[in-house]
Amino acid sequence: MSSRTIDYAFTAHTRRGAASDPTYAGALSFMRRKFTKNVSGADAVVWGIPFDAAVTNRPGARFGPQAIRRASAILDNDPQYPFSRDLFEDLAVVDYGDCLLDSGNHNKTPATIEREAAKILKSGAFLLTLGGDHFITWPLLKAHAAIHGPLALVQFDAHQDTWPDDGKRIDHGSFVGRAVKEGIIDPDRSIQIGIRTHAPETFGIKILHGYEVEEMRAAEIAYAIVERTGGRKTYLTFDIDCLDPAYAPGTGTPVAGGPSSARMLSTLRKLGQVDIVGADVVEVAPAYDHADITSIAGSMIAMHYLGLLAERKAKQDNVANNIHHGQDI
């Protein structure tokens, strides 16, 4: 026991390697990563945005970041499946905590999120955000596009989020259309997976509807994503209501007829070719959950993002080492 720690999120001396907290105890950062506002040297930063004032149905996603962190505790100690490695041997990750928002002045929310995201991105770290309702993706897209230019968007969702928008709305159902109109995302390189509702406009974004996804293998879905994004810098957003309510009951706008968590996780696993520059998981509302089903799914999705990032970094490090030692690659 002398070599073990507790409350690793506070006591860690390094940003790499696994924690040894029991899965049932200890400070609940995301996958036990160190809580810090110092992102210097971090490859990835996990950040929570506890905001749900933009929902059109059931509120509660403001508790999503807490719930996802709690569910992620079980993912840390062993090599992470299906990546067969301790992700944090190759990847330095910190938990930045949550965004401080004025709960009485929602008009300030977009600028607050965008400003803080830009500050984190300036460090060069990958930003993984835990929502919060889906409106938070709007300022996150703006912050990422300011660095990378117009982005390809990969959106796992039951809803298109392209409803009419005057450019001022605080609405989780219209931000995608706004992002197209303002040149933040490139619709010709963007794709939506699992859509099970109809909106007036598609804005040219490719759609894989829920019933189509039901007939497709994970490899086919992943191929469609890789082909559509075409090497473009890509932002990946996962609304948990993409999943059927059987696998994600804890969300604000559940829609029956969606895919399983297994199929969507398998799809994510196959996206190593996509140049993902930022990602989020949103709309986890634990008050409607049972046995943390939805929070567990959300934490697995977030872990898969980090797994893809760890693999990419390991390959880059191997190439750099080979070049340093004069080996052919």
Protein backbone atom coordinates (compact mmCIF):
# COMPACT_ATOMS: atom_id res chain seq x y z
CA MET A 1 0.00 0.00 0.00
CA SER A 2 2.95 2.35 0.54
CA SER A 3 3.29 2.93 -3.22
CA ARG A 4 -0.39 3.75 -3.71
CA THR A 5 -2.04 7.16 -3.60
CA ILE A 6 -5.48 8.53 -2.88
CA ASP A 7 -7.08 11.67 -4.32
CA TYR A 8 -4.72 11.48 -7.28
CA ALA A 9 -6.51 14.42 -8.89
CA PHE A 10 -4.89 16.60 -6.22
CA THR A 11 -1.81 14.63 -5.16
CA ALA A 12 -0.39 13.69 -8.59
CA HIS A 13 3.17 14.85 -9.24
CA THR A 14 3.05 14.04 -12.96
CA ARG A 15 0.52 14.33 -15.76
CA ARG A 16 1.25 10.87 -17.09
CA GLY A 17 0.49 7.37 -15.90
CA ALA A 18 -2.43 5.73 -14.13
CA ALA A 19 -3.78 6.60 -10.72
CA SER A 20 -4.22 3.99 -7.98
CA ASP A 21 -7.35 5.33 -6.29
CA PRO A 22 -10.01 2.71 -5.60
CA THR A 23 -12.79 2.99 -8.18
CA TYR A 24 -15.24 3.77 -5.34
CA ALA A 25 -13.26 6.55 -3.65
CA GLY A 26 -11.01 9.51 -4.22
CA ALA A 27 -11.40 12.89 -5.92
CA LEU A 28 -13.52 12.57 -9.05
CA SER A 29 -11.74 14.35 -11.85
CA PHE A 30 -12.10 12.91 -15.34
CA MET A 31 -10.30 9.55 -15.25
CA ARG A 32 -8.41 10.79 -12.14
CA ARG A 33 -6.45 13.37 -14.10
CA LYS A 34 -4.84 16.13 -12.09
CA PHE A 35 -7.10 19.12 -11.42
CA THR A 36 -5.22 22.24 -12.47
CA LYS A 37 -5.61 25.53 -14.31
CA ASN A 38 -1.99 25.24 -15.46
CA VAL A 39 -2.19 23.59 -18.88
CA SER A 40 1.48 24.09 -19.79
CA GLY A 41 2.87 20.84 -21.18
CA ALA A 42 -0.52 19.15 -21.44
CA ASP A 43 -1.37 17.26 -24.61
CA ALA A 44 -5.07 17.36 -23.81
CA VAL A 45 -7.29 19.34 -21.47
CA VAL A 46 -10.65 18.11 -20.18
CA TRP A 47 -13.07 20.92 -19.39
CA GLY A 48 -16.64 20.98 -18.11
CA ILE A 49 -19.32 23.48 -19.12
CA PRO A 50 -22.30 23.11 -16.75
CA PHE A 51 -24.88 24.97 -18.84
CA ASP A 52 -28.41 23.92 -19.82
CA ALA A 53 -30.37 27.15 -20.26
CA ALA A 54 -30.70 26.55 -24.02
CA VAL A 55 -32.73 23.34 -23.85
CA THR A 56 -36.14 23.05 -25.52
CA ASN A 57 -37.35 20.09 -23.47
CA ARG A 58 -36.03 18.71 -20.16
CA PRO A 59 -33.29 20.63 -18.32
CA GLY A 60 -30.55 18.99 -16.25
CA ALA A 61 -27.48 18.79 -18.51
CA ARG A 62 -25.74 21.32 -16.25
CA PHE A 63 -25.04 18.27 -14.06
CA GLY A 64 -23.50 16.38 -16.98
CA PRO A 65 -19.83 17.20 -16.31
CA GLN A 66 -20.12 16.01 -12.70
CA ALA A 67 -21.84 12.79 -13.76
CA ILE A 68 -19.39 11.99 -16.55
CA ARG A 69 -16.43 12.54 -14.24
CA ARG A 70 -17.97 10.27 -11.61
CA ALA A 71 -18.65 7.51 -14.14
CA SER A 72 -15.13 7.78 -15.57
CA ALA A 73 -13.47 6.66 -12.32
CA ILE A 74 -13.74 3.01 -13.27
CA LEU A 75 -11.85 3.60 -16.53
CA ASP A 76 -8.49 4.60 -15.10
CA ASN A 77 -6.71 1.73 -13.34
CA ASP A 78 -6.47 -0.89 -16.09
CA PRO A 79 -5.26 -0.51 -19.69
CA GLN A 80 -8.16 1.13 -21.47
CA TYR A 81 -10.30 -1.05 -23.74
CA PRO A 82 -10.19 -1.24 -26.73
CA PHE A 83 -6.85 0.57 -26.98
CA SER A 84 -4.88 -2.07 -25.02
CA ARG A 85 -2.71 0.55 -23.33
CA ASP A 86 -2.53 2.98 -20.46
CA LEU A 87 -3.51 6.06 -22.44
CA PHE A 88 -1.64 8.30 -20.07
CA GLU A 89 1.76 6.75 -20.67
CA ASP A 90 1.83 8.59 -23.99
CA LEU A 91 -0.59 11.40 -23.30
CA ALA A 92 -0.29 14.16 -20.70
CA VAL A 93 -3.86 15.08 -19.71
CA VAL A 94 -5.22 17.48 -17.10
CA ASP A 95 -8.72 18.22 -15.87
CA TYR A 96 -9.21 21.98 -16.06
CA GLY A 97 -12.38 21.87 -13.98
CA ASP A 98 -15.48 23.77 -15.05
CA CYS A 99 -16.32 27.01 -16.83
CA LEU A 100 -17.57 29.74 -14.48
CA LEU A 101 -20.82 31.15 -15.90
CA ASP A 102 -23.21 33.84 -14.71
CA SER A 103 -26.43 31.90 -14.12
CA GLY A 104 -28.44 35.11 -14.19
CA ASN A 105 -27.09 36.52 -17.45
CA HIS A 106 -27.13 33.94 -20.22
CA ASN A 107 -26.34 36.48 -22.92
CA LYS A 108 -22.78 36.52 -21.59
CA THR A 109 -22.45 32.75 -21.83
CA PRO A 110 -21.27 32.36 -25.47
CA ALA A 111 -18.48 34.92 -25.15
CA THR A 112 -17.38 33.51 -21.79
CA ILE A 113 -17.08 29.99 -23.21
CA GLU A 114 -15.34 31.15 -26.38
CA ARG A 115 -12.85 33.29 -24.48
CA GLU A 116 -11.90 30.52 -22.04
CA ALA A 117 -11.69 27.93 -24.81
CA ALA A 118 -9.39 30.20 -26.82
CA LYS A 119 -7.16 30.58 -23.77
CA ILE A 120 -6.84 26.80 -23.43
CA LEU A 121 -6.32 26.23 -27.15
CA LYS A 122 -3.57 28.85 -27.22
CA SER A 123 -1.44 26.41 -25.22
CA GLY A 124 -1.54 23.97 -28.13
CA ALA A 125 -3.46 21.34 -26.16
CA PHE A 126 -6.37 19.33 -27.52
CA LEU A 127 -9.60 20.45 -25.85
CA LEU A 128 -12.11 17.79 -24.77
CA THR A 129 -15.27 19.40 -23.41
CA LEU A 130 -17.97 17.84 -21.23
CA GLY A 131 -21.41 19.48 -21.49
CA GLY A 132 -23.82 20.90 -20.81
CA ASP A 133 -26.47 21.22 -23.49
CA HIS A 134 -25.58 21.32 -27.17
CA PHE A 135 -25.55 25.10 -27.44
CA ILE A 136 -22.06 25.07 -25.90
CA THR A 137 -20.71 23.62 -29.14
CA TRP A 138 -21.38 26.94 -30.90
CA PRO A 139 -18.74 29.01 -29.02
CA LEU A 140 -16.41 26.00 -29.00
CA LEU A 141 -16.61 25.79 -32.79
CA LYS A 142 -15.82 29.49 -33.05
CA ALA A 143 -12.76 29.13 -30.83
CA HIS A 144 -11.45 26.18 -32.85
CA ALA A 145 -12.20 27.76 -36.22
CA ALA A 146 -10.26 30.87 -35.18
CA ILE A 147 -7.17 28.63 -35.16
CA HIS A 148 -7.89 26.11 -37.91
CA GLY A 149 -10.24 27.90 -40.28
CA PRO A 150 -13.59 26.42 -41.41
CA LEU A 151 -14.00 22.98 -39.89
CA ALA A 152 -15.51 19.70 -40.93
CA LEU A 153 -18.17 18.77 -38.39
CA VAL A 154 -18.91 15.19 -37.37
CA GLN A 155 -22.10 15.26 -35.34
CA PHE A 156 -23.59 12.22 -33.60
CA ASP A 157 -27.14 13.27 -32.78
CA ALA A 158 -30.84 12.51 -33.01
CA HIS A 159 -31.42 16.11 -34.14
CA GLN A 160 -29.99 18.21 -36.97
CA ASP A 161 -29.84 21.42 -34.86
CA THR A 162 -30.45 23.51 -37.98
CA TRP A 163 -33.67 25.26 -36.96
CA PRO A 164 -34.10 28.96 -37.84
CA ASP A 165 -31.74 31.27 -35.98
CA ASP A 166 -31.38 35.05 -35.91
CA GLY A 167 -27.74 34.89 -34.85
CA LYS A 168 -28.60 35.84 -31.28
CA ARG A 169 -30.55 32.88 -29.96
CA ILE A 170 -29.41 30.86 -26.96
CA ASP A 171 -30.75 27.62 -28.39
CA HIS A 172 -29.37 24.10 -28.59
CA GLY A 173 -31.39 23.39 -31.72
CA SER A 174 -30.07 25.99 -34.16
CA PHE A 175 -26.31 26.35 -33.71
CA VAL A 176 -25.34 24.10 -36.66
CA GLY A 177 -27.23 26.20 -39.17
CA ARG A 178 -25.67 29.33 -37.70
CA ALA A 179 -22.21 27.79 -37.96
CA VAL A 180 -22.76 27.08 -41.67
CA LYS A 181 -24.09 30.56 -42.39
CA GLU A 182 -21.16 32.20 -40.62
CA GLY A 183 -18.54 30.04 -42.33
CA ILE A 184 -17.45 28.28 -39.14
CA ILE A 185 -18.04 24.81 -40.59
CA ASP A 186 -17.87 23.53 -44.16
CA PRO A 187 -21.15 21.71 -44.91
CA ASP A 188 -19.58 19.88 -47.85
CA ARG A 189 -17.18 18.20 -45.40
CA SER A 190 -19.67 17.70 -42.56
CA ILE A 191 -21.83 14.74 -41.61
CA GLN A 192 -24.56 13.97 -39.07
CA ILE A 193 -25.05 10.42 -37.76
CA GLY A 194 -28.20 8.97 -36.20
CA ILE A 195 -30.68 11.74 -37.10
CA ARG A 196 -34.26 10.77 -36.19
CA THR A 197 -36.12 14.06 -36.58
CA HIS A 198 -36.79 16.50 -39.43
CA ALA A 199 -35.70 20.14 -39.57
CA PRO A 200 -36.60 22.59 -42.37
CA GLU A 201 -33.00 22.89 -43.62
CA THR A 202 -30.06 20.53 -44.07
CA PHE A 203 -27.62 23.25 -45.27
CA GLY A 204 -25.97 20.65 -47.47
CA ILE A 205 -24.68 18.53 -44.59
CA LYS A 206 -24.65 14.79 -45.30
CA ILE A 207 -27.09 12.89 -43.08
CA LEU A 208 -27.08 9.26 -42.01
CA HIS A 209 -30.58 8.86 -40.59
CA GLY A 210 -31.35 6.58 -37.68
CA TYR A 211 -32.88 3.82 -39.78
CA GLU A 212 -29.97 3.94 -42.21
CA VAL A 213 -27.50 3.59 -39.34
CA GLU A 214 -29.51 0.62 -38.08
CA GLU A 215 -28.71 -1.22 -41.32
CA MET A 216 -25.02 -0.27 -41.38
CA ARG A 217 -22.00 -1.89 -39.75
CA ALA A 218 -19.71 0.30 -37.65
CA ALA A 219 -17.01 0.04 -40.32
CA GLU A 220 -19.43 1.38 -42.95
CA ILE A 221 -20.41 4.32 -40.77
CA ALA A 222 -16.76 5.11 -40.06
CA TYR A 223 -15.93 4.90 -43.79
CA ALA A 224 -18.70 7.41 -44.55
CA ILE A 225 -17.24 9.79 -41.96
CA VAL A 226 -13.66 9.44 -43.22
CA GLU A 227 -14.77 9.93 -46.84
CA ARG A 228 -16.92 12.97 -46.03
CA THR A 229 -14.36 14.81 -43.91
CA GLY A 230 -11.72 14.22 -46.57
CA GLY A 231 -8.70 15.10 -44.46
CA ARG A 232 -10.12 18.44 -43.31
CA LYS A 233 -9.52 19.63 -39.74
CA THR A 234 -12.50 18.16 -37.91
CA TYR A 235 -14.52 18.94 -34.82
CA LEU A 236 -16.37 15.96 -33.37
CA THR A 237 -19.48 16.53 -31.26
CA PHE A 238 -21.47 13.72 -29.65
CA ASP A 239 -24.96 14.50 -28.39
CA ILE A 240 -25.74 11.57 -26.11
CA ASP A 241 -29.29 11.44 -27.48
CA CYS A 242 -27.79 9.98 -30.65
CA LEU A 243 -28.01 6.73 -28.71
CA ASP A 244 -31.35 4.99 -28.31
CA PRO A 245 -32.97 5.81 -24.94
CA ALA A 246 -32.36 2.20 -23.95
CA TYR A 247 -28.66 3.09 -23.81
CA ALA A 248 -28.98 6.76 -22.81
CA PRO A 249 -32.19 7.51 -20.91
CA GLY A 250 -30.57 10.40 -19.03
CA THR A 251 -30.93 13.16 -21.58
CA GLY A 252 -33.22 16.09 -22.26
CA THR A 253 -34.71 15.15 -25.64
CA PRO A 254 -34.64 11.35 -26.04
CA VAL A 255 -35.79 9.87 -29.36
CA ALA A 256 -36.52 6.16 -29.82
CA GLY A 257 -35.02 4.21 -32.71
CA GLY A 258 -31.37 5.07 -32.22
CA PRO A 259 -28.19 2.98 -32.31
CA SER A 260 -26.58 1.13 -29.43
CA SER A 261 -23.65 2.44 -27.45
CA ALA A 262 -21.62 -0.55 -28.70
CA ARG A 263 -22.11 0.38 -32.35
CA MET A 264 -21.28 4.04 -31.87
CA LEU A 265 -18.23 3.31 -29.73
CA SER A 266 -17.03 0.85 -32.36
CA THR A 267 -17.52 3.58 -34.97
CA LEU A 268 -15.47 6.05 -32.92
CA ARG A 269 -12.72 3.46 -32.56
CA LYS A 270 -12.34 3.40 -36.34
CA LEU A 271 -11.87 7.17 -36.79
CA GLY A 272 -8.09 7.22 -36.41
CA GLN A 273 -7.72 8.61 -39.94
CA VAL A 274 -9.86 11.66 -39.18
CA ASP A 275 -7.91 14.79 -38.24
CA ILE A 276 -9.88 15.55 -35.06
CA VAL A 277 -8.77 18.88 -33.58
CA GLY A 278 -11.43 19.21 -30.88
CA ALA A 279 -14.31 17.24 -29.41
CA ASP A 280 -17.16 17.27 -26.93
CA VAL A 281 -19.86 15.06 -25.43
CA VAL A 282 -23.05 16.86 -24.46
CA GLU A 283 -26.64 16.55 -23.21
CA VAL A 284 -25.99 14.05 -20.39
CA ALA A 285 -28.73 14.85 -17.86
CA PRO A 286 -28.24 12.48 -14.91
CA ALA A 287 -31.54 13.31 -13.17
CA TYR A 288 -33.31 11.16 -15.79
CA ASP A 289 -30.70 8.40 -15.69
CA HIS A 290 -30.82 4.97 -14.12
CA ALA A 291 -27.75 3.27 -12.61
CA ASP A 292 -25.51 5.85 -14.37
CA ILE A 293 -26.23 4.23 -17.76
CA THR A 294 -26.00 7.52 -19.67
CA SER A 295 -23.07 8.88 -17.69
CA ILE A 296 -21.12 5.68 -18.29
CA ALA A 297 -21.79 5.97 -22.04
CA GLY A 298 -20.69 9.61 -21.98
CA SER A 299 -17.47 8.79 -20.15
CA MET A 300 -16.69 5.97 -22.60
CA ILE A 301 -17.18 8.32 -25.55
CA ALA A 302 -14.84 10.88 -23.98
CA MET A 303 -12.28 8.16 -23.23
CA HIS A 304 -12.40 7.04 -26.88
CA TYR A 305 -11.49 10.58 -27.96
CA LEU A 306 -8.42 10.41 -25.74
CA GLY A 307 -7.61 6.93 -26.99
CA LEU A 308 -7.52 8.10 -30.60
CA LEU A 309 -5.39 11.05 -29.55
CA ALA A 310 -2.97 8.82 -27.62
CA GLU A 311 -2.53 6.54 -30.61
CA ARG A 312 -1.90 9.49 -32.91
CA LYS A 313 0.67 10.94 -30.53
CA ALA A 314 2.43 7.58 -30.11
CA LYS A 315 2.76 7.28 -33.91
CA GLN A 316 4.09 10.83 -34.17
CA ASP A 317 6.61 10.15 -31.40
CA ASN A 318 7.77 6.97 -33.13
CA VAL A 319 8.28 8.83 -36.41
CA ALA A 320 10.22 11.58 -34.62
CA ASN A 321 12.40 9.03 -32.83
CA ASN A 322 13.13 7.18 -36.06
CA ILE A 323 14.12 10.40 -37.79
CA HIS A 324 16.32 11.35 -34.82
CA HIS A 325 18.13 8.02 -35.03
CA GLY A 326 18.45 8.19 -38.81
CA GLN A 327 16.20 5.21 -39.50
CA ASP A 328 14.04 4.77 -42.57
CA ILE A 329 10.34 5.27 -42.00
